C-alpha atoms as a PDB file:
ATOM      1  CA  MET A   1      -2.507 -70.914  -3.286  1.00  0.00           C
ATOM      2  CA  ARG A   2      -2.281 -68.871  -0.107  1.00  0.00           C
ATOM      3  CA  LYS A   3      -4.606 -70.038   2.648  1.00  0.00           C
ATOM      4  CA  ALA A   4      -6.962 -68.117   4.889  1.00  0.00           C
ATOM      5  CA  VAL A   5      -5.654 -66.795   8.181  1.00  0.00           C
ATOM      6  CA  ASP A   6      -5.815 -69.406  10.959  1.00  0.00           C
ATOM      7  CA  LYS A   7      -5.239 -69.266  14.720  1.00  0.00           C
ATOM      8  CA  HIS A   8      -1.480 -69.698  14.316  1.00  0.00           C
ATOM      9  CA  ALA A   9      -1.296 -66.683  11.999  1.00  0.00           C
ATOM     10  CA  VAL A  10      -3.434 -64.631  14.388  1.00  0.00           C
ATOM     11  CA  VAL A  11      -1.110 -65.410  17.311  1.00  0.00           C
ATOM     12  CA  ILE A  12       1.949 -64.452  15.239  1.00  0.00           C
ATOM     13  CA  MET A  13       0.233 -61.242  14.115  1.00  0.00           C
ATOM     14  CA  VAL A  14      -0.583 -60.282  17.714  1.00  0.00           C
ATOM     15  CA  VAL A  15       3.115 -60.662  18.554  1.00  0.00           C
ATOM     16  CA  LEU A  16       4.187 -58.677  15.472  1.00  0.00           C
ATOM     17  CA  CYS A  17       1.705 -55.870  16.114  1.00  0.00           C
ATOM     18  CA  THR A  18       2.911 -55.629  19.711  1.00  0.00           C
ATOM     19  CA  ILE A  19       6.511 -55.380  18.491  1.00  0.00           C
ATOM     20  CA  TRP A  20       5.596 -52.704  15.944  1.00  0.00           C
ATOM     21  CA  ALA A  21       3.661 -50.778  18.587  1.00  0.00           C
ATOM     22  CA  LEU A  22       6.660 -50.898  20.905  1.00  0.00           C
ATOM     23  CA  GLN A  23       9.052 -49.323  18.387  1.00  0.00           C
ATOM     24  CA  GLN A  24       7.623 -45.816  18.897  1.00  0.00           C
ATOM     25  CA  ILE A  25       7.770 -46.340  22.660  1.00  0.00           C
ATOM     26  CA  ALA A  26      11.385 -47.524  22.442  1.00  0.00           C
ATOM     27  CA  LEU A  27      12.320 -44.475  20.361  1.00  0.00           C
ATOM     28  CA  LYS A  28      10.611 -42.096  22.756  1.00  0.00           C
ATOM     29  CA  GLY A  29      11.786 -43.863  25.905  1.00  0.00           C
ATOM     30  CA  ALA A  30      15.482 -43.801  24.981  1.00  0.00           C
ATOM     31  CA  ALA A  31      15.453 -40.253  23.587  1.00  0.00           C
ATOM     32  CA  SER A  32      17.127 -38.870  26.720  1.00  0.00           C
ATOM     33  CA  ASP A  33      20.230 -40.995  26.028  1.00  0.00           C
ATOM     34  CA  ILE A  34      20.227 -41.123  22.226  1.00  0.00           C
ATOM     35  CA  THR A  35      18.303 -38.885  19.849  1.00  0.00           C
ATOM     36  CA  THR A  36      15.402 -40.357  17.925  1.00  0.00           C
ATOM     37  CA  LEU A  37      17.095 -39.490  14.621  1.00  0.00           C
ATOM     38  CA  ALA A  38      20.273 -41.327  15.590  1.00  0.00           C
ATOM     39  CA  GLN A  39      18.197 -44.301  16.723  1.00  0.00           C
ATOM     40  CA  VAL A  40      16.345 -44.736  13.434  1.00  0.00           C
ATOM     41  CA  GLY A  41      19.588 -44.374  11.468  1.00  0.00           C
ATOM     42  CA  LEU A  42      21.679 -46.789  13.526  1.00  0.00           C
ATOM     43  CA  ARG A  43      18.946 -49.391  13.892  1.00  0.00           C
ATOM     44  CA  ALA A  44      18.565 -49.435  10.100  1.00  0.00           C
ATOM     45  CA  GLY A  45      22.294 -50.131   9.813  1.00  0.00           C
ATOM     46  CA  VAL A  46      22.097 -53.071  12.232  1.00  0.00           C
ATOM     47  CA  ALA A  47      19.112 -54.541  10.412  1.00  0.00           C
ATOM     48  CA  ALA A  48      20.626 -53.961   6.943  1.00  0.00           C
ATOM     49  CA  PHE A  49      23.740 -55.872   8.019  1.00  0.00           C
ATOM     50  CA  LEU A  50      21.645 -58.824   9.229  1.00  0.00           C
ATOM     51  CA  VAL A  51      19.409 -58.838   6.145  1.00  0.00           C
ATOM     52  CA  GLY A  52      22.542 -58.690   3.968  1.00  0.00           C
ATOM     53  CA  ILE A  53      23.883 -61.820   5.681  1.00  0.00           C
ATOM     54  CA  VAL A  54      20.583 -63.624   5.025  1.00  0.00           C
ATOM     55  CA  MET A  55      20.686 -62.595   1.360  1.00  0.00           C
ATOM     56  CA  LEU A  56      24.267 -63.772   0.896  1.00  0.00           C
ATOM     57  CA  PHE A  57      23.396 -67.056   2.610  1.00  0.00           C
ATOM     58  CA  ARG A  58      20.553 -67.511   0.096  1.00  0.00           C
ATOM     59  CA  GLY A  59      22.794 -66.572  -2.826  1.00  0.00           C
ATOM     60  CA  LEU A  60      21.036 -63.269  -3.565  1.00  0.00           C
ATOM     61  CA  PRO A  61      23.128 -60.313  -4.822  1.00  0.00           C
ATOM     62  CA  LEU A  62      22.845 -57.329  -2.503  1.00  0.00           C
ATOM     63  CA  LEU A  63      22.163 -54.858  -5.321  1.00  0.00           C
ATOM     64  CA  GLY A  64      20.073 -57.210  -7.433  1.00  0.00           C
ATOM     65  CA  SER A  65      20.555 -57.437 -11.185  1.00  0.00           C
ATOM     66  CA  GLY A  66      19.469 -55.639 -14.334  1.00  0.00           C
ATOM     67  CA  GLY A  67      19.451 -52.179 -12.806  1.00  0.00           C
ATOM     68  CA  LEU A  68      17.269 -53.139  -9.846  1.00  0.00           C
ATOM     69  CA  TRP A  69      19.334 -50.776  -7.720  1.00  0.00           C
ATOM     70  CA  LYS A  70      17.702 -47.752  -9.391  1.00  0.00           C
ATOM     71  CA  PRO A  71      14.206 -48.223  -7.908  1.00  0.00           C
ATOM     72  CA  GLY A  72      16.015 -49.576  -4.848  1.00  0.00           C
ATOM     73  CA  VAL A  73      17.689 -46.218  -4.275  1.00  0.00           C
ATOM     74  CA  PHE A  74      14.332 -44.477  -4.641  1.00  0.00           C
ATOM     75  CA  VAL A  75      12.536 -46.626  -2.050  1.00  0.00           C
ATOM     76  CA  GLY A  76      15.572 -46.277   0.220  1.00  0.00           C
ATOM     77  CA  VAL A  77      15.197 -42.497   0.103  1.00  0.00           C
ATOM     78  CA  LEU A  78      11.459 -42.787   0.801  1.00  0.00           C
ATOM     79  CA  PHE A  79      12.058 -45.122   3.746  1.00  0.00           C
ATOM     80  CA  ALA A  80      14.595 -42.691   5.174  1.00  0.00           C
ATOM     81  CA  LEU A  81      12.171 -39.793   4.716  1.00  0.00           C
ATOM     82  CA  GLU A  82       9.384 -41.722   6.459  1.00  0.00           C
ATOM     83  CA  PHE A  83      11.443 -42.330   9.567  1.00  0.00           C
ATOM     84  CA  LEU A  84      12.883 -38.823   9.498  1.00  0.00           C
ATOM     85  CA  PHE A  85       9.302 -37.626   9.967  1.00  0.00           C
ATOM     86  CA  VAL A  86       8.738 -40.226  12.700  1.00  0.00           C
ATOM     87  CA  ALA A  87      11.936 -39.330  14.549  1.00  0.00           C
ATOM     88  CA  ASP A  88      11.310 -35.592  14.428  1.00  0.00           C
ATOM     89  CA  GLY A  89       7.605 -36.016  15.176  1.00  0.00           C
ATOM     90  CA  LEU A  90       8.313 -37.939  18.379  1.00  0.00           C
ATOM     91  CA  LYS A  91      10.151 -34.882  19.702  1.00  0.00           C
ATOM     92  CA  PHE A  92       6.806 -33.086  19.881  1.00  0.00           C
ATOM     93  CA  THR A  93       4.030 -35.658  20.144  1.00  0.00           C
ATOM     94  CA  SER A  94       3.400 -38.839  22.105  1.00  0.00           C
ATOM     95  CA  ALA A  95       4.156 -42.409  21.039  1.00  0.00           C
ATOM     96  CA  SER A  96       0.407 -43.120  21.165  1.00  0.00           C
ATOM     97  CA  HIS A  97      -0.349 -40.358  18.666  1.00  0.00           C
ATOM     98  CA  MET A  98       2.489 -41.462  16.392  1.00  0.00           C
ATOM     99  CA  ALA A  99       1.224 -45.068  16.373  1.00  0.00           C
ATOM    100  CA  VAL A 100      -2.115 -43.882  15.001  1.00  0.00           C
ATOM    101  CA  PHE A 101      -0.964 -41.305  12.452  1.00  0.00           C
ATOM    102  CA  LEU A 102       1.725 -43.570  10.989  1.00  0.00           C
ATOM    103  CA  TYR A 103      -0.886 -46.231  10.269  1.00  0.00           C
ATOM    104  CA  THR A 104      -2.823 -43.947   7.961  1.00  0.00           C
ATOM    105  CA  ALA A 105      -0.364 -45.213   5.316  1.00  0.00           C
ATOM    106  CA  PRO A 106      -2.870 -47.590   3.626  1.00  0.00           C
ATOM    107  CA  LEU A 107      -5.134 -44.629   2.871  1.00  0.00           C
ATOM    108  CA  PHE A 108      -2.403 -42.904   0.879  1.00  0.00           C
ATOM    109  CA  ALA A 109      -1.305 -46.188  -0.710  1.00  0.00           C
ATOM    110  CA  SER A 110      -4.867 -46.982  -1.817  1.00  0.00           C
ATOM    111  CA  LEU A 111      -5.300 -43.482  -3.227  1.00  0.00           C
ATOM    112  CA  GLY A 112      -1.981 -43.662  -5.085  1.00  0.00           C
ATOM    113  CA  LEU A 113      -2.736 -47.116  -6.500  1.00  0.00           C
ATOM    114  CA  HIS A 114      -6.205 -45.934  -7.556  1.00  0.00           C
ATOM    115  CA  LEU A 115      -4.605 -43.148  -9.589  1.00  0.00           C
ATOM    116  CA  THR A 116      -1.838 -45.242 -11.162  1.00  0.00           C
ATOM    117  CA  ILE A 117      -3.068 -48.846 -11.561  1.00  0.00           C
ATOM    118  CA  PRO A 118      -6.460 -49.450 -13.277  1.00  0.00           C
ATOM    119  CA  GLU A 119      -7.176 -52.761 -11.495  1.00  0.00           C
ATOM    120  CA  GLU A 120      -6.637 -51.074  -8.119  1.00  0.00           C
ATOM    121  CA  ARG A 121      -9.453 -48.556  -8.523  1.00  0.00           C
ATOM    122  CA  LEU A 122     -11.474 -47.931  -5.387  1.00  0.00           C
ATOM    123  CA  ALA A 123     -15.089 -49.064  -5.100  1.00  0.00           C
ATOM    124  CA  PRO A 124     -17.801 -46.689  -3.778  1.00  0.00           C
ATOM    125  CA  ALA A 125     -17.742 -48.431  -0.379  1.00  0.00           C
ATOM    126  CA  GLN A 126     -13.991 -47.842  -0.178  1.00  0.00           C
ATOM    127  CA  TRP A 127     -14.465 -44.153  -0.943  1.00  0.00           C
ATOM    128  CA  MET A 128     -16.886 -44.001   1.982  1.00  0.00           C
ATOM    129  CA  GLY A 129     -14.210 -45.580   4.173  1.00  0.00           C
ATOM    130  CA  MET A 130     -11.697 -43.054   2.857  1.00  0.00           C
ATOM    131  CA  LEU A 131     -14.046 -40.192   3.736  1.00  0.00           C
ATOM    132  CA  LEU A 132     -14.625 -41.569   7.246  1.00  0.00           C
ATOM    133  CA  ALA A 133     -10.879 -41.919   7.823  1.00  0.00           C
ATOM    134  CA  PHE A 134     -10.050 -38.381   6.723  1.00  0.00           C
ATOM    135  CA  LEU A 135     -12.906 -36.994   8.812  1.00  0.00           C
ATOM    136  CA  GLY A 136     -11.348 -38.861  11.732  1.00  0.00           C
ATOM    137  CA  ILE A 137      -8.024 -37.167  11.028  1.00  0.00           C
ATOM    138  CA  LEU A 138      -9.763 -33.788  11.066  1.00  0.00           C
ATOM    139  CA  VAL A 139     -11.376 -34.637  14.410  1.00  0.00           C
ATOM    140  CA  MET A 140      -7.967 -35.530  15.860  1.00  0.00           C
ATOM    141  CA  PHE A 141      -6.467 -32.252  14.656  1.00  0.00           C
ATOM    142  CA  LEU A 142      -9.355 -29.861  15.172  1.00  0.00           C
ATOM    143  CA  GLY A 143     -11.403 -31.414  17.957  1.00  0.00           C
ATOM    144  CA  GLY A 144      -9.231 -30.362  20.891  1.00  0.00           C
ATOM    145  CA  LYS A 145      -8.934 -27.042  22.655  1.00  0.00           C
ATOM    146  CA  GLN A 146      -5.977 -24.842  21.773  1.00  0.00           C
ATOM    147  CA  THR A 147      -3.870 -24.353  24.922  1.00  0.00           C
ATOM    148  CA  GLY A 148      -0.895 -22.421  23.625  1.00  0.00           C
ATOM    149  CA  GLU A 149       2.547 -23.325  22.366  1.00  0.00           C
ATOM    150  CA  VAL A 150       2.673 -26.855  23.817  1.00  0.00           C
ATOM    151  CA  ASN A 151      -0.556 -27.787  22.046  1.00  0.00           C
ATOM    152  CA  SER A 152       0.711 -26.314  18.771  1.00  0.00           C
ATOM    153  CA  LEU A 153       3.933 -28.318  19.024  1.00  0.00           C
ATOM    154  CA  THR A 154       1.923 -31.486  19.642  1.00  0.00           C
ATOM    155  CA  TYR A 155      -0.076 -30.817  16.497  1.00  0.00           C
ATOM    156  CA  TRP A 156       3.176 -30.302  14.599  1.00  0.00           C
ATOM    157  CA  GLY A 157       4.401 -33.700  15.807  1.00  0.00           C
ATOM    158  CA  ASP A 158       1.074 -35.254  14.798  1.00  0.00           C
ATOM    159  CA  PHE A 159       1.378 -33.677  11.356  1.00  0.00           C
ATOM    160  CA  LEU A 160       4.873 -35.129  10.935  1.00  0.00           C
ATOM    161  CA  GLY A 161       3.451 -38.539  11.850  1.00  0.00           C
ATOM    162  CA  LEU A 162       0.791 -38.082   9.180  1.00  0.00           C
ATOM    163  CA  LEU A 163       3.510 -37.169   6.661  1.00  0.00           C
ATOM    164  CA  GLY A 164       5.348 -40.344   7.671  1.00  0.00           C
ATOM    165  CA  GLY A 165       2.200 -42.336   6.905  1.00  0.00           C
ATOM    166  CA  ALA A 166       1.860 -40.577   3.541  1.00  0.00           C
ATOM    167  CA  VAL A 167       5.459 -41.414   2.587  1.00  0.00           C
ATOM    168  CA  TRP A 168       4.967 -45.020   3.717  1.00  0.00           C
ATOM    169  CA  GLY A 169       1.930 -45.192   1.431  1.00  0.00           C
ATOM    170  CA  GLY A 170       3.988 -43.670  -1.373  1.00  0.00           C
ATOM    171  CA  THR A 171       6.642 -46.338  -0.860  1.00  0.00           C
ATOM    172  CA  THR A 172       4.003 -49.030  -1.373  1.00  0.00           C
ATOM    173  CA  VAL A 173       3.003 -47.432  -4.674  1.00  0.00           C
ATOM    174  CA  ALA A 174       6.650 -47.088  -5.755  1.00  0.00           C
ATOM    175  CA  VAL A 175       7.313 -50.776  -5.095  1.00  0.00           C
ATOM    176  CA  ARG A 176       4.167 -51.857  -6.971  1.00  0.00           C
ATOM    177  CA  LYS A 177       4.996 -49.650  -9.969  1.00  0.00           C
ATOM    178  CA  SER A 178       8.643 -50.751 -10.282  1.00  0.00           C
ATOM    179  CA  ARG A 179      10.561 -53.962 -10.895  1.00  0.00           C
ATOM    180  CA  LEU A 180      10.820 -54.356  -7.146  1.00  0.00           C
ATOM    181  CA  SER A 181       7.313 -55.851  -7.221  1.00  0.00           C
ATOM    182  CA  ASP A 182       8.852 -58.999  -8.749  1.00  0.00           C
ATOM    183  CA  ALA A 183      12.010 -58.985  -6.603  1.00  0.00           C
ATOM    184  CA  PRO A 184      12.447 -61.061  -3.428  1.00  0.00           C
ATOM    185  CA  PRO A 185      11.028 -59.173  -0.417  1.00  0.00           C
ATOM    186  CA  THR A 186      14.407 -59.304   1.324  1.00  0.00           C
ATOM    187  CA  GLN A 187      15.887 -57.389  -1.624  1.00  0.00           C
ATOM    188  CA  THR A 188      13.430 -54.530  -1.197  1.00  0.00           C
ATOM    189  CA  LEU A 189      13.897 -54.570   2.571  1.00  0.00           C
ATOM    190  CA  PHE A 190      17.684 -54.348   2.168  1.00  0.00           C
ATOM    191  CA  PHE A 191      17.396 -51.326  -0.137  1.00  0.00           C
ATOM    192  CA  GLN A 192      15.092 -49.607   2.351  1.00  0.00           C
ATOM    193  CA  LEU A 193      17.221 -50.327   5.404  1.00  0.00           C
ATOM    194  CA  PHE A 194      20.556 -49.508   3.789  1.00  0.00           C
ATOM    195  CA  GLY A 195      19.191 -46.278   2.316  1.00  0.00           C
ATOM    196  CA  ALA A 196      17.790 -45.237   5.689  1.00  0.00           C
ATOM    197  CA  PHE A 197      21.069 -46.075   7.422  1.00  0.00           C
ATOM    198  CA  VAL A 198      23.206 -43.977   5.069  1.00  0.00           C
ATOM    199  CA  ILE A 199      20.870 -40.980   4.803  1.00  0.00           C
ATOM    200  CA  LEU A 200      19.699 -40.752   8.410  1.00  0.00           C
ATOM    201  CA  THR A 201      23.120 -41.373   9.954  1.00  0.00           C
ATOM    202  CA  ILE A 202      24.704 -38.660   7.803  1.00  0.00           C
ATOM    203  CA  LEU A 203      21.797 -36.323   8.532  1.00  0.00           C
ATOM    204  CA  SER A 204      21.979 -36.921  12.286  1.00  0.00           C
ATOM    205  CA  ALA A 205      25.727 -36.218  12.205  1.00  0.00           C
ATOM    206  CA  PHE A 206      25.135 -33.048  10.179  1.00  0.00           C
ATOM    207  CA  LYS A 207      22.521 -31.876  12.709  1.00  0.00           C
ATOM    208  CA  GLY A 208      24.790 -32.708  15.652  1.00  0.00           C
ATOM    209  CA  GLU A 209      22.453 -35.459  16.884  1.00  0.00           C
ATOM    210  CA  LEU A 210      24.727 -38.470  16.441  1.00  0.00           C
ATOM    211  CA  THR A 211      26.354 -38.164  19.860  1.00  0.00           C
ATOM    212  CA  PHE A 212      24.698 -40.269  22.541  1.00  0.00           C
ATOM    213  CA  ASN A 213      25.101 -41.563  26.067  1.00  0.00           C
ATOM    214  CA  LEU A 214      26.035 -45.251  25.924  1.00  0.00           C
ATOM    215  CA  SER A 215      23.751 -46.677  28.595  1.00  0.00           C
ATOM    216  CA  TYR A 216      21.667 -49.755  29.281  1.00  0.00           C
ATOM    217  CA  LYS A 217      18.594 -47.923  28.007  1.00  0.00           C
ATOM    218  CA  SER A 218      20.151 -46.825  24.713  1.00  0.00           C
ATOM    219  CA  GLY A 219      21.772 -50.229  24.143  1.00  0.00           C
ATOM    220  CA  VAL A 220      18.569 -52.181  24.737  1.00  0.00           C
ATOM    221  CA  SER A 221      16.580 -49.769  22.574  1.00  0.00           C
ATOM    222  CA  LEU A 222      18.956 -50.069  19.616  1.00  0.00           C
ATOM    223  CA  ALA A 223      19.202 -53.858  19.948  1.00  0.00           C
ATOM    224  CA  PHE A 224      15.427 -54.221  20.135  1.00  0.00           C
ATOM    225  CA  GLN A 225      14.770 -51.915  17.198  1.00  0.00           C
ATOM    226  CA  GLY A 226      17.578 -53.204  14.976  1.00  0.00           C
ATOM    227  CA  VAL A 227      17.352 -56.951  15.637  1.00  0.00           C
ATOM    228  CA  VAL A 228      13.746 -57.515  16.702  1.00  0.00           C
ATOM    229  CA  VAL A 229      11.768 -54.789  14.891  1.00  0.00           C
ATOM    230  CA  CYS A 230      13.601 -54.083  11.634  1.00  0.00           C
ATOM    231  CA  PHE A 231      15.086 -57.551  11.088  1.00  0.00           C
ATOM    232  CA  ALA A 232      13.153 -60.380  12.745  1.00  0.00           C
ATOM    233  CA  SER A 233       9.638 -58.909  12.635  1.00  0.00           C
ATOM    234  CA  TYR A 234       9.880 -57.712   9.027  1.00  0.00           C
ATOM    235  CA  LEU A 235      11.207 -61.069   7.801  1.00  0.00           C
ATOM    236  CA  THR A 236       8.453 -62.847   9.730  1.00  0.00           C
ATOM    237  CA  TRP A 237       5.899 -60.566   8.083  1.00  0.00           C
ATOM    238  CA  PHE A 238       7.238 -61.415   4.623  1.00  0.00           C
ATOM    239  CA  TRP A 239       7.160 -65.118   5.539  1.00  0.00           C
ATOM    240  CA  LEU A 240       3.484 -64.799   6.498  1.00  0.00           C
ATOM    241  CA  LEU A 241       2.729 -63.093   3.171  1.00  0.00           C
ATOM    242  CA  THR A 242       4.030 -66.158   1.311  1.00  0.00           C
ATOM    243  CA  ARG A 243       1.598 -68.454   3.152  1.00  0.00           C
ATOM    244  CA  TYR A 244      -1.539 -66.482   4.000  1.00  0.00           C
ATOM    245  CA  GLN A 245      -3.881 -64.144   2.149  1.00  0.00           C
ATOM    246  CA  ALA A 246      -2.417 -60.637   2.164  1.00  0.00           C
ATOM    247  CA  SER A 247      -5.795 -58.889   2.523  1.00  0.00           C
ATOM    248  CA  GLN A 248      -6.588 -60.729   5.757  1.00  0.00           C
ATOM    249  CA  LEU A 249      -3.108 -60.119   7.160  1.00  0.00           C
ATOM    250  CA  GLY A 250      -3.407 -56.452   6.216  1.00  0.00           C
ATOM    251  CA  VAL A 251      -6.571 -56.064   8.268  1.00  0.00           C
ATOM    252  CA  LEU A 252      -4.889 -57.714  11.263  1.00  0.00           C
ATOM    253  CA  THR A 253      -2.065 -55.144  11.193  1.00  0.00           C
ATOM    254  CA  PHE A 254      -4.544 -52.575  12.481  1.00  0.00           C
ATOM    255  CA  MET A 255      -4.222 -54.112  15.903  1.00  0.00           C
ATOM    256  CA  THR A 256      -0.995 -52.077  16.080  1.00  0.00           C
ATOM    257  CA  PRO A 257      -2.435 -48.588  16.809  1.00  0.00           C
ATOM    258  CA  PRO A 258      -4.747 -49.722  19.668  1.00  0.00           C
ATOM    259  CA  ILE A 259      -1.905 -51.750  21.176  1.00  0.00           C
ATOM    260  CA  GLY A 260       0.393 -48.744  20.749  1.00  0.00           C
ATOM    261  CA  ILE A 261      -2.085 -46.499  22.544  1.00  0.00           C
ATOM    262  CA  LEU A 262      -2.443 -48.919  25.469  1.00  0.00           C
ATOM    263  CA  LEU A 263       1.324 -49.415  25.784  1.00  0.00           C
ATOM    264  CA  GLY A 264       1.972 -45.682  25.490  1.00  0.00           C
ATOM    265  CA  VAL A 265      -0.383 -45.017  28.380  1.00  0.00           C
ATOM    266  CA  ALA A 266       0.943 -47.920  30.476  1.00  0.00           C
ATOM    267  CA  ILE A 267       4.689 -47.417  29.895  1.00  0.00           C
ATOM    268  CA  LEU A 268       5.158 -43.730  29.109  1.00  0.00           C
ATOM    269  CA  GLY A 269       2.093 -42.304  30.834  1.00  0.00           C
ATOM    270  CA  ASP A 270       0.705 -40.778  27.631  1.00  0.00           C
ATOM    271  CA  ARG A 271      -2.403 -38.654  28.114  1.00  0.00           C
ATOM    272  CA  LEU A 272      -5.351 -39.323  25.821  1.00  0.00           C
ATOM    273  CA  GLU A 273      -7.989 -36.778  24.882  1.00  0.00           C
ATOM    274  CA  LEU A 274     -11.577 -37.686  23.989  1.00  0.00           C
ATOM    275  CA  HIS A 275     -11.369 -36.073  20.550  1.00  0.00           C
ATOM    276  CA  PHE A 276      -8.221 -38.087  19.795  1.00  0.00           C
ATOM    277  CA  LEU A 277      -9.900 -41.385  20.753  1.00  0.00           C
ATOM    278  CA  VAL A 278     -13.010 -40.563  18.689  1.00  0.00           C
ATOM    279  CA  GLY A 279     -10.870 -39.545  15.711  1.00  0.00           C
ATOM    280  CA  THR A 280      -8.784 -42.699  16.093  1.00  0.00           C
ATOM    281  CA  LEU A 281     -11.865 -44.940  15.954  1.00  0.00           C
ATOM    282  CA  MET A 282     -13.136 -43.101  12.876  1.00  0.00           C
ATOM    283  CA  THR A 283      -9.772 -43.229  11.116  1.00  0.00           C
ATOM    284  CA  LEU A 284      -9.038 -46.880  11.835  1.00  0.00           C
ATOM    285  CA  GLY A 285     -12.597 -47.836  10.919  1.00  0.00           C
ATOM    286  CA  GLY A 286     -12.201 -46.082   7.586  1.00  0.00           C
ATOM    287  CA  VAL A 287      -8.793 -47.630   6.933  1.00  0.00           C
ATOM    288  CA  VAL A 288     -10.085 -51.134   7.673  1.00  0.00           C
ATOM    289  CA  ALA A 289     -13.054 -50.499   5.350  1.00  0.00           C
ATOM    290  CA  VAL A 290     -10.665 -49.500   2.548  1.00  0.00           C
ATOM    291  CA  THR A 291      -8.043 -52.214   2.975  1.00  0.00           C
ATOM    292  CA  GLY A 292     -10.378 -55.068   3.887  1.00  0.00           C
ATOM    293  CA  TYR A 293     -12.980 -54.406   1.188  1.00  0.00           C
ATOM    294  CA  GLY A 294     -11.876 -57.254  -1.085  1.00  0.00           C
ATOM    295  CA  TRP A 295     -11.810 -59.744   1.760  1.00  0.00           C
ATOM    296  CA  TYR A 296     -15.220 -58.665   3.084  1.00  0.00           C
ATOM    297  CA  ARG A 297     -16.657 -59.001  -0.401  1.00  0.00           C
ATOM    298  CA  ARG A 298     -15.297 -62.514  -0.887  1.00  0.00           C
ATOM    299  CA  PHE A 299     -16.451 -63.490   2.607  1.00  0.00           C
ATOM    300  CA  LEU A 300     -20.019 -62.276   2.012  1.00  0.00           C
ATOM    301  CA  TYR A 301     -20.088 -63.851  -1.449  1.00  0.00           C
ATOM    302  CA  SER A 302     -18.943 -67.226  -0.102  1.00  0.00           C
ATOM    303  CA  ARG A 303     -21.597 -67.109   2.629  1.00  0.00           C
ATOM    304  CA  ALA A 304     -24.308 -66.244   0.115  1.00  0.00           C
ATOM    305  CA  PHE A 305     -23.096 -69.034  -2.184  1.00  0.00           C
ATOM    306  CA  ARG A 306     -23.160 -71.593   0.639  1.00  0.00           C
ATOM    307  CA  ALA A 307     -26.622 -70.426   1.708  1.00  0.00           C
ATOM    308  CA  ARG A 308     -27.909 -70.822  -1.855  1.00  0.00           C
ATOM    309  CA  GLU A 309     -26.395 -74.298  -2.116  1.00  0.00           C
ATOM    310  CA  SER A 310     -28.030 -75.294   1.168  1.00  0.00           C
ATOM    311  CA  LEU A 311     -31.375 -73.967  -0.068  1.00  0.00           C
ATOM    312  CA  VAL A 312     -31.082 -75.908  -3.347  1.00  0.00           C
ATOM    313  CA  VAL A 313     -30.218 -79.106  -1.471  1.00  0.00           C
ATOM    314  CA  SER A 314     -33.113 -78.555   0.935  1.00  0.00           C
ATOM    315  CA  ILE A 315     -35.598 -78.003  -1.906  1.00  0.00           C
ATOM    316  CA  GLY A 316     -34.323 -81.075  -3.726  1.00  0.00           C
ATOM    317  CA  THR A 317     -34.700 -83.185  -0.603  1.00  0.00           C
ATOM    318  CA  ASP A 318     -38.281 -81.966  -0.076  1.00  0.00           C
ATOM    319  CA  GLU A 319     -39.199 -82.710  -3.688  1.00  0.00           C
ATOM    320  CA  ARG A 320     -37.835 -86.249  -3.457  1.00  0.00           C
ATOM    321  CA  ALA A 321     -39.692 -86.789  -0.207  1.00  0.00           C
ATOM    322  CA  GLN A 322     -42.975 -85.639  -1.784  1.00  0.00           C
ATOM    323  CA  ALA A 323     -42.421 -87.810  -4.855  1.00  0.00           C
ATOM    324  CA  SER A 324     -41.911 -90.888  -2.721  1.00  0.00           C
END
């Protein structure tokens, strides 16, 4: 049985969320030396190679068995599409904005699971969270003042980030609805990384974006994204999922957008507008309400149960005292 999140898990999650927040900043920061599209393609190749070594070491076939490669190809295409939107979106919007819009993924995943899996149907409280989150998205898009072409391009980048979140959510549904749900997590990760490497590298070459300036900045960015983000952090995340309750870990992942905003401001000098901050709070609040509903319910139920037990014990003690 998986245990509740403890202080060790929280510390690891803070580190992971910081790493995940830094990936948008690394992409944006190195864009002058290597295009964002080339970065997401090449980093996937580095990580796929490392994950493949781990799988071979564990005796796992790279393509699985029994036709597992078929849903594997599908999630690989989705993973590539997600980061195509991220890479292109970062050309127009800030890393801070991308960190928020990408993490709308659980909204789309919850909606997709509600429509396809009966036991995943949303409760009324979750629908309220969904409404709050989408109202927050509207505030982020419509709350600012239009200031011409630059503002329009920023909104286009934000929209691509939102599409990336939608595809990420769709990937979650695809995994749950296919045989990949019973496969080792490293198998699914390999399909995603290898698919992204092949598709995005070919696409970047086709678009003339595969050429880059080999510099310290581009080298560090690729090494960080390929080894630390896509390999080490993802495997650590899967390791945590085998030991701790997934619902609690899922709520903790929403430290990533606030950390991403702070790092974007501190490192890249991102500007933040009031309507964006208000919309962010609304969206993240709604997402946490949707994803953490089951955990909150169990937590409140356990507290009520303990309170009732304490009351019963107290009444029993009083009755014995009166009888004596």
